[in-house]
Full PDB file with SEQRES, HELIX, SHEET, SSBOND, CRYST1, ORIGX, SCALE, CONECT and MASTER records, all heavy atoms in Angstrom:
SEQRES   1 A   42  ALA VAL HIS ILE GLU ASN CYS GLY LYS THR PHE ALA ASP          
SEQRES   2 A   42  GLY THR GLN ALA LEU ALA PRO ALA SER LEU ASP ILE VAL          
SEQRES   3 A   42  SER GLY GLU THR LEU VAL LEU LEU GLY PRO SER GLY CYS          
SEQRES   4 A   42  GLY LYS THR                                                  
SHEET    1 AA1 2 VAL A   2  THR A  10  0                                        
SHEET    2 AA1 2 GLN A  16  ILE A  25 -1                                        
CRYST1    1.000    1.000    1.000  90.00  90.00  90.00 P 1           1          
ORIGX1      1.000000  0.000000  0.000000        0.00000                         
ORIGX2      0.000000  1.000000  0.000000        0.00000                         
ORIGX3      0.000000  0.000000  1.000000        0.00000                         
SCALE1      1.000000  0.000000  0.000000        0.00000                         
SCALE2      0.000000  1.000000  0.000000        0.00000                         
SCALE3      0.000000  0.000000  1.000000        0.00000                         
ATOM      1  N   ALA A   1      53.533 108.748 -30.619  1.00  0.00           N  
ATOM      2  CA  ALA A   1      52.793 108.514 -29.385  1.00  0.00           C  
ATOM      3  C   ALA A   1      53.677 108.989 -28.235  1.00  0.00           C  
ATOM      4  O   ALA A   1      54.882 108.727 -28.222  1.00  0.00           O  
ATOM      5  CB  ALA A   1      52.468 107.032 -29.233  1.00  0.00           C  
ATOM      6  N   VAL A   2      53.100 109.726 -27.293  1.00  0.00           N  
ATOM      7  CA  VAL A   2      53.870 110.318 -26.199  1.00  0.00           C  
ATOM      8  C   VAL A   2      53.446 109.678 -24.882  1.00  0.00           C  
ATOM      9  O   VAL A   2      52.247 109.568 -24.595  1.00  0.00           O  
ATOM     10  CB  VAL A   2      53.666 111.843 -26.135  1.00  0.00           C  
ATOM     11  CG1 VAL A   2      54.444 112.451 -24.967  1.00  0.00           C  
ATOM     12  CG2 VAL A   2      54.091 112.494 -27.448  1.00  0.00           C  
ATOM     13  N   HIS A   3      54.426 109.259 -24.102  1.00  0.00           N  
ATOM     14  CA  HIS A   3      54.166 108.698 -22.768  1.00  0.00           C  
ATOM     15  C   HIS A   3      54.895 109.553 -21.736  1.00  0.00           C  
ATOM     16  O   HIS A   3      56.118 109.709 -21.797  1.00  0.00           O  
ATOM     17  CB  HIS A   3      54.645 107.248 -22.690  1.00  0.00           C  
ATOM     18  CG  HIS A   3      54.543 106.651 -21.314  1.00  0.00           C  
ATOM     19  ND1 HIS A   3      53.324 106.441 -20.689  1.00  0.00           N  
ATOM     20  CD2 HIS A   3      55.492 106.233 -20.440  1.00  0.00           C  
ATOM     21  CE1 HIS A   3      53.534 105.910 -19.495  1.00  0.00           C  
ATOM     22  NE2 HIS A   3      54.838 105.774 -19.311  1.00  0.00           N  
ATOM     23  N   ILE A   4      54.149 110.126 -20.822  1.00  0.00           N  
ATOM     24  CA  ILE A   4      54.705 110.911 -19.723  1.00  0.00           C  
ATOM     25  C   ILE A   4      54.561 110.069 -18.461  1.00  0.00           C  
ATOM     26  O   ILE A   4      53.444 109.692 -18.079  1.00  0.00           O  
ATOM     27  CB  ILE A   4      53.953 112.252 -19.568  1.00  0.00           C  
ATOM     28  CG1 ILE A   4      54.066 113.054 -20.863  1.00  0.00           C  
ATOM     29  CG2 ILE A   4      54.491 113.045 -18.390  1.00  0.00           C  
ATOM     30  CD1 ILE A   4      53.085 114.200 -20.954  1.00  0.00           C  
ATOM     31  N   GLU A   5      55.669 109.761 -17.846  1.00  0.00           N  
ATOM     32  CA  GLU A   5      55.675 108.834 -16.715  1.00  0.00           C  
ATOM     33  C   GLU A   5      56.205 109.516 -15.451  1.00  0.00           C  
ATOM     34  O   GLU A   5      57.371 109.891 -15.374  1.00  0.00           O  
ATOM     35  CB  GLU A   5      56.549 107.624 -17.050  1.00  0.00           C  
ATOM     36  CG  GLU A   5      56.614 106.555 -15.973  1.00  0.00           C  
ATOM     37  CD  GLU A   5      57.518 105.411 -16.395  1.00  0.00           C  
ATOM     38  OE1 GLU A   5      57.234 104.806 -17.457  1.00  0.00           O  
ATOM     39  OE2 GLU A   5      58.506 105.142 -15.691  1.00  0.00           O  
ATOM     40  N   ASN A   6      55.301 109.725 -14.489  1.00  0.00           N  
ATOM     41  CA  ASN A   6      55.687 110.222 -13.164  1.00  0.00           C  
ATOM     42  C   ASN A   6      56.498 111.514 -13.248  1.00  0.00           C  
ATOM     43  O   ASN A   6      57.469 111.705 -12.515  1.00  0.00           O  
ATOM     44  CB  ASN A   6      56.493 109.149 -12.416  1.00  0.00           C  
ATOM     45  CG  ASN A   6      56.479 109.371 -10.917  1.00  0.00           C  
ATOM     46  OD1 ASN A   6      55.477 109.780 -10.346  1.00  0.00           O  
ATOM     47  ND2 ASN A   6      57.609 109.100 -10.263  1.00  0.00           N  
ATOM     48  N   CYS A   7      56.093 112.415 -14.143  1.00  0.00           N  
ATOM     49  CA  CYS A   7      56.831 113.663 -14.340  1.00  0.00           C  
ATOM     50  C   CYS A   7      56.312 114.761 -13.410  1.00  0.00           C  
ATOM     51  O   CYS A   7      55.152 115.180 -13.493  1.00  0.00           O  
ATOM     52  CB  CYS A   7      56.720 114.129 -15.794  1.00  0.00           C  
ATOM     53  SG  CYS A   7      57.813 113.248 -16.915  1.00  0.00           S  
ATOM     54  N   GLY A   8      57.177 115.226 -12.540  1.00  0.00           N  
ATOM     55  CA  GLY A   8      56.896 116.370 -11.694  1.00  0.00           C  
ATOM     56  C   GLY A   8      58.005 117.387 -11.862  1.00  0.00           C  
ATOM     57  O   GLY A   8      59.034 117.117 -12.483  1.00  0.00           O  
ATOM     58  N   LYS A   9      57.808 118.602 -11.318  1.00  0.00           N  
ATOM     59  CA  LYS A   9      58.838 119.623 -11.413  1.00  0.00           C  
ATOM     60  C   LYS A   9      58.861 120.465 -10.151  1.00  0.00           C  
ATOM     61  O   LYS A   9      57.879 121.124  -9.801  1.00  0.00           O  
ATOM     62  CB  LYS A   9      58.599 120.529 -12.629  1.00  0.00           C  
ATOM     63  CG  LYS A   9      59.700 121.573 -12.828  1.00  0.00           C  
ATOM     64  CD  LYS A   9      61.040 120.924 -13.121  1.00  0.00           C  
ATOM     65  CE  LYS A   9      62.149 121.944 -13.281  1.00  0.00           C  
ATOM     66  NZ  LYS A   9      63.464 121.294 -13.550  1.00  0.00           N  
ATOM     67  N   THR A  10      60.007 120.405  -9.455  1.00  0.00           N  
ATOM     68  CA  THR A  10      60.240 121.215  -8.271  1.00  0.00           C  
ATOM     69  C   THR A  10      61.435 122.109  -8.555  1.00  0.00           C  
ATOM     70  O   THR A  10      62.510 121.623  -8.930  1.00  0.00           O  
ATOM     71  CB  THR A  10      60.526 120.339  -7.045  1.00  0.00           C  
ATOM     72  OG1 THR A  10      59.457 119.395  -6.881  1.00  0.00           O  
ATOM     73  CG2 THR A  10      60.644 121.190  -5.788  1.00  0.00           C  
ATOM     74  N   PHE A  11      61.253 123.410  -8.385  1.00  0.00           N  
ATOM     75  CA  PHE A  11      62.331 124.350  -8.686  1.00  0.00           C  
ATOM     76  C   PHE A  11      63.295 124.469  -7.499  1.00  0.00           C  
ATOM     77  O   PHE A  11      63.020 123.972  -6.400  1.00  0.00           O  
ATOM     78  CB  PHE A  11      61.758 125.701  -9.076  1.00  0.00           C  
ATOM     79  CG  PHE A  11      61.040 125.668 -10.402  1.00  0.00           C  
ATOM     80  CD1 PHE A  11      59.655 125.765 -10.468  1.00  0.00           C  
ATOM     81  CD2 PHE A  11      61.745 125.511 -11.588  1.00  0.00           C  
ATOM     82  CE1 PHE A  11      58.993 125.725 -11.682  1.00  0.00           C  
ATOM     83  CE2 PHE A  11      61.096 125.466 -12.813  1.00  0.00           C  
ATOM     84  CZ  PHE A  11      59.723 125.570 -12.856  1.00  0.00           C  
ATOM     85  N   ALA A  12      64.408 125.140  -7.724  1.00  0.00           N  
ATOM     86  CA  ALA A  12      65.481 125.199  -6.737  1.00  0.00           C  
ATOM     87  C   ALA A  12      65.039 125.802  -5.408  1.00  0.00           C  
ATOM     88  O   ALA A  12      65.564 125.441  -4.347  1.00  0.00           O  
ATOM     89  CB  ALA A  12      66.660 125.991  -7.314  1.00  0.00           C  
ATOM     90  N   ASP A  13      64.068 126.694  -5.448  1.00  0.00           N  
ATOM     91  CA  ASP A  13      63.605 127.321  -4.203  1.00  0.00           C  
ATOM     92  C   ASP A  13      62.584 126.468  -3.457  1.00  0.00           C  
ATOM     93  O   ASP A  13      62.038 126.882  -2.443  1.00  0.00           O  
ATOM     94  CB  ASP A  13      63.009 128.705  -4.478  1.00  0.00           C  
ATOM     95  CG  ASP A  13      61.765 128.648  -5.372  1.00  0.00           C  
ATOM     96  OD1 ASP A  13      61.375 127.540  -5.806  1.00  0.00           O  
ATOM     97  OD2 ASP A  13      61.181 129.717  -5.649  1.00  0.00           O  
ATOM     98  N   GLY A  14      62.326 125.256  -3.975  1.00  0.00           N  
ATOM     99  CA  GLY A  14      61.390 124.344  -3.320  1.00  0.00           C  
ATOM    100  C   GLY A  14      59.969 124.415  -3.835  1.00  0.00           C  
ATOM    101  O   GLY A  14      59.116 123.621  -3.429  1.00  0.00           O  
ATOM    102  N   THR A  15      59.688 125.347  -4.745  1.00  0.00           N  
ATOM    103  CA  THR A  15      58.335 125.479  -5.299  1.00  0.00           C  
ATOM    104  C   THR A  15      58.029 124.288  -6.211  1.00  0.00           C  
ATOM    105  O   THR A  15      58.789 123.988  -7.135  1.00  0.00           O  
ATOM    106  CB  THR A  15      58.215 126.772  -6.117  1.00  0.00           C  
ATOM    107  OG1 THR A  15      58.498 127.888  -5.289  1.00  0.00           O  
ATOM    108  CG2 THR A  15      56.806 126.902  -6.706  1.00  0.00           C  
ATOM    109  N   GLN A  16      56.912 123.623  -5.943  1.00  0.00           N  
ATOM    110  CA  GLN A  16      56.487 122.514  -6.793  1.00  0.00           C  
ATOM    111  C   GLN A  16      55.521 123.041  -7.840  1.00  0.00           C  
ATOM    112  O   GLN A  16      54.372 123.338  -7.553  1.00  0.00           O  
ATOM    113  CB  GLN A  16      55.829 121.401  -5.985  1.00  0.00           C  
ATOM    114  CG  GLN A  16      55.541 120.152  -6.811  1.00  0.00           C  
ATOM    115  CD  GLN A  16      54.843 119.054  -6.030  1.00  0.00           C  
ATOM    116  OE1 GLN A  16      53.812 119.291  -5.398  1.00  0.00           O  
ATOM    117  NE2 GLN A  16      55.399 117.840  -6.076  1.00  0.00           N  
ATOM    118  N   ALA A  17      56.018 123.167  -9.072  1.00  0.00           N  
ATOM    119  CA  ALA A  17      55.183 123.672 -10.166  1.00  0.00           C  
ATOM    120  C   ALA A  17      54.277 122.592 -10.717  1.00  0.00           C  
ATOM    121  O   ALA A  17      53.200 122.882 -11.239  1.00  0.00           O  
ATOM    122  CB  ALA A  17      56.061 124.234 -11.274  1.00  0.00           C  
ATOM    123  N   LEU A  18      54.721 121.328 -10.608  1.00  0.00           N  
ATOM    124  CA  LEU A  18      53.954 120.221 -11.163  1.00  0.00           C  
ATOM    125  C   LEU A  18      54.132 119.002 -10.272  1.00  0.00           C  
ATOM    126  O   LEU A  18      55.274 118.565 -10.034  1.00  0.00           O  
ATOM    127  CB  LEU A  18      54.428 119.905 -12.584  1.00  0.00           C  
ATOM    128  CG  LEU A  18      53.709 118.782 -13.332  1.00  0.00           C  
ATOM    129  CD1 LEU A  18      52.259 119.168 -13.609  1.00  0.00           C  
ATOM    130  CD2 LEU A  18      54.426 118.457 -14.642  1.00  0.00           C  
ATOM    131  N   ALA A  19      53.029 118.476  -9.771  1.00  0.00           N  
ATOM    132  CA  ALA A  19      53.071 117.233  -9.002  1.00  0.00           C  
ATOM    133  C   ALA A  19      53.331 116.076  -9.964  1.00  0.00           C  
ATOM    134  O   ALA A  19      52.961 116.153 -11.145  1.00  0.00           O  
ATOM    135  CB  ALA A  19      51.753 117.021  -8.270  1.00  0.00           C  
ATOM    136  N   PRO A  20      53.969 114.985  -9.517  1.00  0.00           N  
ATOM    137  CA  PRO A  20      54.235 113.857 -10.407  1.00  0.00           C  
ATOM    138  C   PRO A  20      52.962 113.406 -11.121  1.00  0.00           C  
ATOM    139  O   PRO A  20      51.934 113.154 -10.491  1.00  0.00           O  
ATOM    140  CB  PRO A  20      54.769 112.776  -9.462  1.00  0.00           C  
ATOM    141  CG  PRO A  20      55.404 113.552  -8.357  1.00  0.00           C  
ATOM    142  CD  PRO A  20      54.523 114.761  -8.162  1.00  0.00           C  
ATOM    143  N   ALA A  21      53.044 113.339 -12.439  1.00  0.00           N  
ATOM    144  CA  ALA A  21      51.869 113.017 -13.259  1.00  0.00           C  
ATOM    145  C   ALA A  21      52.272 112.060 -14.362  1.00  0.00           C  
ATOM    146  O   ALA A  21      53.387 112.103 -14.876  1.00  0.00           O  
ATOM    147  CB  ALA A  21      51.272 114.285 -13.862  1.00  0.00           C  
ATOM    148  N   SER A  22      51.340 111.193 -14.737  1.00  0.00           N  
ATOM    149  CA  SER A  22      51.540 110.263 -15.846  1.00  0.00           C  
ATOM    150  C   SER A  22      50.425 110.452 -16.859  1.00  0.00           C  
ATOM    151  O   SER A  22      49.279 110.704 -16.481  1.00  0.00           O  
ATOM    152  CB  SER A  22      51.562 108.815 -15.346  1.00  0.00           C  
ATOM    153  OG  SER A  22      52.676 108.593 -14.489  1.00  0.00           O  
ATOM    154  N   LEU A  23      50.774 110.320 -18.138  1.00  0.00           N  
ATOM    155  CA  LEU A  23      49.814 110.621 -19.194  1.00  0.00           C  
ATOM    156  C   LEU A  23      50.245 109.939 -20.476  1.00  0.00           C  
ATOM    157  O   LEU A  23      51.421 109.923 -20.813  1.00  0.00           O  
ATOM    158  CB  LEU A  23      49.774 112.141 -19.400  1.00  0.00           C  
ATOM    159  CG  LEU A  23      48.755 112.743 -20.353  1.00  0.00           C  
ATOM    160  CD1 LEU A  23      47.345 112.465 -19.882  1.00  0.00           C  
ATOM    161  CD2 LEU A  23      48.986 114.253 -20.457  1.00  0.00           C  
ATOM    162  N   ASP A  24      49.284 109.355 -21.187  1.00  0.00           N  
ATOM    163  CA  ASP A  24      49.542 108.755 -22.493  1.00  0.00           C  
ATOM    164  C   ASP A  24      48.800 109.538 -23.563  1.00  0.00           C  
ATOM    165  O   ASP A  24      47.593 109.788 -23.437  1.00  0.00           O  
ATOM    166  CB  ASP A  24      49.097 107.288 -22.526  1.00  0.00           C  
ATOM    167  CG  ASP A  24      50.078 106.381 -21.801  1.00  0.00           C  
ATOM    168  OD1 ASP A  24      51.259 106.382 -22.179  1.00  0.00           O  
ATOM    169  OD2 ASP A  24      49.665 105.685 -20.852  1.00  0.00           O  
ATOM    170  N   ILE A  25      49.519 109.915 -24.615  1.00  0.00           N  
ATOM    171  CA  ILE A  25      48.949 110.680 -25.720  1.00  0.00           C  
ATOM    172  C   ILE A  25      49.077 109.834 -26.978  1.00  0.00           C  
ATOM    173  O   ILE A  25      50.178 109.427 -27.364  1.00  0.00           O  
ATOM    174  CB  ILE A  25      49.676 112.025 -25.890  1.00  0.00           C  
ATOM    175  CG1 ILE A  25      49.624 112.804 -24.565  1.00  0.00           C  
ATOM    176  CG2 ILE A  25      49.043 112.838 -27.020  1.00  0.00           C  
ATOM    177  CD1 ILE A  25      50.595 113.959 -24.506  1.00  0.00           C  
ATOM    178  N   VAL A  26      47.955 109.559 -27.604  1.00  0.00           N  
ATOM    179  CA  VAL A  26      47.907 108.673 -28.763  1.00  0.00           C  
ATOM    180  C   VAL A  26      48.490 109.365 -29.988  1.00  0.00           C  
ATOM    181  O   VAL A  26      48.345 110.577 -30.166  1.00  0.00           O  
ATOM    182  CB  VAL A  26      46.449 108.240 -29.029  1.00  0.00           C  
ATOM    183  CG1 VAL A  26      46.358 107.335 -30.255  1.00  0.00           C  
ATOM    184  CG2 VAL A  26      45.872 107.536 -27.809  1.00  0.00           C  
ATOM    185  N   SER A  27      49.134 108.598 -30.842  1.00  0.00           N  
ATOM    186  CA  SER A  27      49.653 109.131 -32.089  1.00  0.00           C  
ATOM    187  C   SER A  27      48.533 109.785 -32.902  1.00  0.00           C  
ATOM    188  O   SER A  27      47.473 109.196 -33.110  1.00  0.00           O  
ATOM    189  CB  SER A  27      50.297 108.002 -32.911  1.00  0.00           C  
ATOM    190  OG  SER A  27      50.654 108.448 -34.190  1.00  0.00           O  
ATOM    191  N   GLY A  28      48.753 111.016 -33.338  1.00  0.00           N  
ATOM    192  CA  GLY A  28      47.761 111.734 -34.125  1.00  0.00           C  
ATOM    193  C   GLY A  28      46.702 112.453 -33.311  1.00  0.00           C  
ATOM    194  O   GLY A  28      45.839 113.129 -33.873  1.00  0.00           O  
ATOM    195  N   GLU A  29      46.755 112.358 -32.006  1.00  0.00           N  
ATOM    196  CA  GLU A  29      45.750 112.969 -31.135  1.00  0.00           C  
ATOM    197  C   GLU A  29      46.089 114.435 -30.872  1.00  0.00           C  
ATOM    198  O   GLU A  29      47.253 114.819 -30.795  1.00  0.00           O  
ATOM    199  CB  GLU A  29      45.703 112.214 -29.808  1.00  0.00           C  
ATOM    200  CG  GLU A  29      44.730 112.793 -28.783  1.00  0.00           C  
ATOM    201  CD  GLU A  29      44.713 112.004 -27.481  1.00  0.00           C  
ATOM    202  OE1 GLU A  29      45.768 111.449 -27.086  1.00  0.00           O  
ATOM    203  OE2 GLU A  29      43.646 111.944 -26.846  1.00  0.00           O  
ATOM    204  N   THR A  30      45.047 115.258 -30.721  1.00  0.00           N  
ATOM    205  CA  THR A  30      45.221 116.608 -30.203  1.00  0.00           C  
ATOM    206  C   THR A  30      44.780 116.604 -28.740  1.00  0.00           C  
ATOM    207  O   THR A  30      43.605 116.389 -28.439  1.00  0.00           O  
ATOM    208  CB  THR A  30      44.391 117.641 -30.985  1.00  0.00           C  
ATOM    209  OG1 THR A  30      44.844 117.687 -32.345  1.00  0.00           O  
ATOM    210  CG2 THR A  30      44.540 119.027 -30.382  1.00  0.00           C  
ATOM    211  N   LEU A  31      45.730 116.807 -27.859  1.00  0.00           N  
ATOM    212  CA  LEU A  31      45.472 116.822 -26.424  1.00  0.00           C  
ATOM    213  C   LEU A  31      45.602 118.253 -25.925  1.00  0.00           C  
ATOM    214  O   LEU A  31      46.597 118.926 -26.204  1.00  0.00           O  
ATOM    215  CB  LEU A  31      46.467 115.929 -25.688  1.00  0.00           C  
ATOM    216  CG  LEU A  31      46.193 115.797 -24.182  1.00  0.00           C  
ATOM    217  CD1 LEU A  31      45.227 114.640 -23.927  1.00  0.00           C  
ATOM    218  CD2 LEU A  31      47.478 115.596 -23.399  1.00  0.00           C  
ATOM    219  N   VAL A  32      44.605 118.723 -25.201  1.00  0.00           N  
ATOM    220  CA  VAL A  32      44.619 120.088 -24.681  1.00  0.00           C  
ATOM    221  C   VAL A  32      44.864 120.061 -23.176  1.00  0.00           C  
ATOM    222  O   VAL A  32      44.198 119.332 -22.431  1.00  0.00           O  
ATOM    223  CB  VAL A  32      43.290 120.811 -24.979  1.00  0.00           C  
ATOM    224  CG1 VAL A  32      43.281 122.196 -24.337  1.00  0.00           C  
ATOM    225  CG2 VAL A  32      43.075 120.937 -26.480  1.00  0.00           C  
ATOM    226  N   LEU A  33      45.839 120.863 -22.737  1.00  0.00           N  
ATOM    227  CA  LEU A  33      46.092 121.082 -21.315  1.00  0.00           C  
ATOM    228  C   LEU A  33      45.370 122.364 -20.933  1.00  0.00           C  
ATOM    229  O   LEU A  33      45.731 123.454 -21.393  1.00  0.00           O  
ATOM    230  CB  LEU A  33      47.588 121.199 -21.037  1.00  0.00           C  
ATOM    231  CG  LEU A  33      48.455 120.015 -21.489  1.00  0.00           C  
ATOM    232  CD1 LEU A  33      49.930 120.304 -21.220  1.00  0.00           C  
ATOM    233  CD2 LEU A  33      48.039 118.730 -20.795  1.00  0.00           C  
ATOM    234  N   LEU A  34      44.340 122.245 -20.110  1.00  0.00           N  
ATOM    235  CA  LEU A  34      43.449 123.363 -19.780  1.00  0.00           C  
ATOM    236  C   LEU A  34      43.501 123.652 -18.289  1.00  0.00           C  
ATOM    237  O   LEU A  34      43.442 122.727 -17.477  1.00  0.00           O  
ATOM    238  CB  LEU A  34      42.012 123.013 -20.190  1.00  0.00           C  
ATOM    239  CG  LEU A  34      40.900 123.975 -19.768  1.00  0.00           C  
ATOM    240  CD1 LEU A  34      41.027 125.307 -20.505  1.00  0.00           C  
ATOM    241  CD2 LEU A  34      39.524 123.353 -20.026  1.00  0.00           C  
ATOM    242  N   GLY A  35      43.572 124.925 -17.943  1.00  0.00           N  
ATOM    243  CA  GLY A  35      43.527 125.284 -16.536  1.00  0.00           C  
ATOM    244  C   GLY A  35      43.858 126.750 -16.337  1.00  0.00           C  
ATOM    245  O   GLY A  35      44.310 127.437 -17.265  1.00  0.00           O  
ATOM    246  N   PRO A  36      43.656 127.257 -15.124  1.00  0.00           N  
ATOM    247  CA  PRO A  36      43.962 128.656 -14.830  1.00  0.00           C  
ATOM    248  C   PRO A  36      45.468 128.903 -14.791  1.00  0.00           C  
ATOM    249  O   PRO A  36      46.272 127.962 -14.793  1.00  0.00           O  
ATOM    250  CB  PRO A  36      43.324 128.870 -13.452  1.00  0.00           C  
ATOM    251  CG  PRO A  36      43.341 127.506 -12.827  1.00  0.00           C  
ATOM    252  CD  PRO A  36      43.124 126.535 -13.949  1.00  0.00           C  
ATOM    253  N   SER A  37      45.855 130.159 -14.737  1.00  0.00           N  
ATOM    254  CA  SER A  37      47.270 130.511 -14.657  1.00  0.00           C  
ATOM    255  C   SER A  37      47.902 129.872 -13.422  1.00  0.00           C  
ATOM    256  O   SER A  37      47.293 129.842 -12.350  1.00  0.00           O  
ATOM    257  CB  SER A  37      47.437 132.028 -14.595  1.00  0.00           C  
ATOM    258  OG  SER A  37      46.941 132.630 -15.772  1.00  0.00           O  
ATOM    259  N   GLY A  38      49.121 129.353 -13.602  1.00  0.00           N  
ATOM    260  CA  GLY A  38      49.844 128.781 -12.483  1.00  0.00           C  
ATOM    261  C   GLY A  38      49.467 127.368 -12.125  1.00  0.00           C  
ATOM    262  O   GLY A  38      49.885 126.872 -11.065  1.00  0.00           O  
ATOM    263  N   CYS A  39      48.711 126.681 -12.984  1.00  0.00           N  
ATOM    264  CA  CYS A  39      48.242 125.330 -12.645  1.00  0.00           C  
ATOM    265  C   CYS A  39      49.221 124.236 -13.065  1.00  0.00           C  
ATOM    266  O   CYS A  39      49.013 123.059 -12.755  1.00  0.00           O  
ATOM    267  CB  CYS A  39      46.877 125.066 -13.268  1.00  0.00           C  
ATOM    268  SG  CYS A  39      46.921 124.887 -15.072  1.00  0.00           S  
ATOM    269  N   GLY A  40      50.284 124.593 -13.808  1.00  0.00           N  
ATOM    270  CA  GLY A  40      51.287 123.612 -14.191  1.00  0.00           C  
ATOM    271  C   GLY A  40      51.240 123.175 -15.643  1.00  0.00           C  
ATOM    272  O   GLY A  40      52.069 122.376 -16.078  1.00  0.00           O  
ATOM    273  N   LYS A  41      50.304 123.702 -16.427  1.00  0.00           N  
ATOM    274  CA  LYS A  41      50.143 123.214 -17.803  1.00  0.00           C  
ATOM    275  C   LYS A  41      51.334 123.569 -18.686  1.00  0.00           C  
ATOM    276  O   LYS A  41      51.794 122.737 -19.476  1.00  0.00           O  
ATOM    277  CB  LYS A  41      48.829 123.718 -18.407  1.00  0.00           C  
ATOM    278  CG  LYS A  41      48.622 125.219 -18.417  1.00  0.00           C  
ATOM    279  CD  LYS A  41      47.217 125.575 -18.865  1.00  0.00           C  
ATOM    280  CE  LYS A  41      47.045 127.090 -19.006  1.00  0.00           C  
ATOM    281  NZ  LYS A  41      47.136 127.777 -17.696  1.00  0.00           N  
ATOM    282  N   THR A  42      51.849 124.793 -18.566  1.00  0.00           N  
ATOM    283  CA  THR A  42      53.013 125.172 -19.364  1.00  0.00           C  
ATOM    284  C   THR A  42      54.258 124.427 -18.906  1.00  0.00           C  
ATOM    285  O   THR A  42      55.110 124.059 -19.732  1.00  0.00           O  
ATOM    286  CB  THR A  42      53.231 126.691 -19.311  1.00  0.00           C  
ATOM    287  OG1 THR A  42      52.118 127.348 -19.936  1.00  0.00           O  
ATOM    288  CG2 THR A  42      54.505 127.097 -20.043  1.00  0.00           C  
TER     289      THR A  42                                                      
MASTER        0    0    0    0    2    0    0    6  288    1    0    4          
END                                                                             
């Protein structure tokens, strides 16, 4: 089971690739991160 708590990512140049986000993924679940290029999923 995966718990993501308040995870954001700001690079050295100040670019915010990911706003702080929280997410719970159940054991055995397939969770899909869907969105256009540059949306923060990778």
